[in-house]
Structures are given as structure tokens and as C-alpha cells.
Amino acid sequence: MKIRVQDLSKTLKDKEYSNKWLALKPLSMKVIAYGNEPKRVLEEARKKGVDNPVLTKVPKDYGTYIL
């Protein structure tokens, strides 16, 4: 199994995403939806055609964060 490394530091530092749930496109790791409730974020991602997004919560105060 090959492990891919993605640097999301610029994305996670964005104040707009602070303390929010993000749905990321699996291969590109681009944000496709975000919000306060994971269920709604997942639904929004699926409406946009991404059936299996990567779902993660951005910490309020970004520091070292491993996904």
C-alpha cells in the first residue's frame, strides 16, 4: 500500500474553516463542503457528486495536526 502525503496546512489555517467540519475530495484533497454539523457537510458533498469524501474537523487553534 502506497501512502500519499498531503500538505493541508494552508487550508486548515484558513479562518473560514476554523472549528468546522470539512469534506475533502479524496484524490485532490480540495474542500468541497464545510459547516458545523458533519451530517450536513457529508450530505452537501454527496449532492456535489462526491460519494466518499474525506471528512475531518479543523481545530479551533491550528497547530500540529495529523489526519
C-alpha atoms as a PDB file:
ATOM      1  CA  MET A   1       0.000   0.000   0.000  1.00  0.00           C
ATOM      2  CA  LYS A   2       1.425   3.361  -1.017  1.00  0.00           C
ATOM      3  CA  ILE A   3       0.943   6.235   1.418  1.00  0.00           C
ATOM      4  CA  ARG A   4       0.340   9.682  -0.043  1.00  0.00           C
ATOM      5  CA  VAL A   5       1.363  12.760   1.869  1.00  0.00           C
ATOM      6  CA  GLN A   6      -0.799  15.874   1.549  1.00  0.00           C
ATOM      7  CA  ASP A   7       0.114  19.258   2.988  1.00  0.00           C
ATOM      8  CA  LEU A   8      -3.170  20.809   4.127  1.00  0.00           C
ATOM      9  CA  SER A   9      -1.577  23.477   6.316  1.00  0.00           C
ATOM     10  CA  LYS A  10      -2.731  26.391   4.139  1.00  0.00           C
ATOM     11  CA  THR A  11      -6.268  25.035   4.002  1.00  0.00           C
ATOM     12  CA  LEU A  12      -6.504  24.295   7.704  1.00  0.00           C
ATOM     13  CA  LYS A  13      -5.159  27.723   8.690  1.00  0.00           C
ATOM     14  CA  ASP A  14      -7.978  29.482   6.800  1.00  0.00           C
ATOM     15  CA  LYS A  15     -10.073  31.292   9.439  1.00  0.00           C
ATOM     16  CA  GLU A  16     -13.232  30.459   7.487  1.00  0.00           C
ATOM     17  CA  TYR A  17     -12.725  26.758   8.312  1.00  0.00           C
ATOM     18  CA  SER A  18     -11.688  27.206  11.957  1.00  0.00           C
ATOM     19  CA  ASN A  19     -13.613  24.806  14.223  1.00  0.00           C
ATOM     20  CA  LYS A  20     -15.653  23.482  11.258  1.00  0.00           C
ATOM     21  CA  TRP A  21     -16.151  20.105   9.609  1.00  0.00           C
ATOM     22  CA  LEU A  22     -14.629  19.771   6.141  1.00  0.00           C
ATOM     23  CA  ALA A  23     -15.446  17.355   3.350  1.00  0.00           C
ATOM     24  CA  LEU A  24     -12.432  16.886   1.100  1.00  0.00           C
ATOM     25  CA  LYS A  25     -12.280  15.328  -2.353  1.00  0.00           C
ATOM     26  CA  PRO A  26     -10.324  12.070  -1.825  1.00  0.00           C
ATOM     27  CA  LEU A  27      -7.627  12.389  -4.503  1.00  0.00           C
ATOM     28  CA  SER A  28      -7.110  16.140  -4.721  1.00  0.00           C
ATOM     29  CA  MET A  29      -7.923  16.945  -1.067  1.00  0.00           C
ATOM     30  CA  LYS A  30      -9.790  20.067  -2.182  1.00  0.00           C
ATOM     31  CA  VAL A  31     -12.541  21.362   0.121  1.00  0.00           C
ATOM     32  CA  ILE A  32     -15.949  20.591  -1.354  1.00  0.00           C
ATOM     33  CA  ALA A  33     -18.142  21.396   1.650  1.00  0.00           C
ATOM     34  CA  TYR A  34     -17.816  22.687   5.207  1.00  0.00           C
ATOM     35  CA  GLY A  35     -20.029  23.516   8.171  1.00  0.00           C
ATOM     36  CA  ASN A  36     -20.804  22.941  11.827  1.00  0.00           C
ATOM     37  CA  GLU A  37     -22.520  19.554  11.530  1.00  0.00           C
ATOM     38  CA  PRO A  38     -20.763  16.558   9.947  1.00  0.00           C
ATOM     39  CA  LYS A  39     -24.036  15.048   8.686  1.00  0.00           C
ATOM     40  CA  ARG A  40     -24.911  18.192   6.710  1.00  0.00           C
ATOM     41  CA  VAL A  41     -21.357  18.524   5.366  1.00  0.00           C
ATOM     42  CA  LEU A  42     -21.489  14.911   4.178  1.00  0.00           C
ATOM     43  CA  GLU A  43     -24.883  15.467   2.531  1.00  0.00           C
ATOM     44  CA  GLU A  44     -23.591  18.590   0.757  1.00  0.00           C
ATOM     45  CA  ALA A  45     -20.555  16.704  -0.537  1.00  0.00           C
ATOM     46  CA  ARG A  46     -22.755  13.917  -1.886  1.00  0.00           C
ATOM     47  CA  LYS A  47     -25.013  16.473  -3.605  1.00  0.00           C
ATOM     48  CA  LYS A  48     -21.876  17.731  -5.356  1.00  0.00           C
ATOM     49  CA  GLY A  49     -21.148  14.220  -6.638  1.00  0.00           C
ATOM     50  CA  VAL A  50     -18.514  13.040  -4.161  1.00  0.00           C
ATOM     51  CA  ASP A  51     -19.868   9.826  -2.639  1.00  0.00           C
ATOM     52  CA  ASN A  52     -16.977   9.069  -0.278  1.00  0.00           C
ATOM     53  CA  PRO A  53     -15.350  12.324   0.839  1.00  0.00           C
ATOM     54  CA  VAL A  54     -12.665  12.568   3.499  1.00  0.00           C
ATOM     55  CA  LEU A  55     -14.407  14.142   6.487  1.00  0.00           C
ATOM     56  CA  THR A  56     -12.380  15.926   9.167  1.00  0.00           C
ATOM     57  CA  LYS A  57     -12.795  18.571  11.836  1.00  0.00           C
ATOM     58  CA  VAL A  58     -10.476  21.575  11.727  1.00  0.00           C
ATOM     59  CA  PRO A  59      -9.210  22.547  15.177  1.00  0.00           C
ATOM     60  CA  LYS A  60     -10.108  25.975  16.510  1.00  0.00           C
ATOM     61  CA  ASP A  61      -6.458  26.833  17.032  1.00  0.00           C
ATOM     62  CA  TYR A  62      -4.407  25.267  14.273  1.00  0.00           C
ATOM     63  CA  GLY A  63      -1.137  23.723  15.338  1.00  0.00           C
ATOM     64  CA  THR A  64       0.333  20.351  14.508  1.00  0.00           C
ATOM     65  CA  TYR A  65      -2.490  18.262  13.126  1.00  0.00           C
ATOM     66  CA  ILE A  66      -2.196  14.809  11.551  1.00  0.00           C
ATOM     67  CA  LEU A  67      -5.114  13.457   9.576  1.00  0.00           C
END
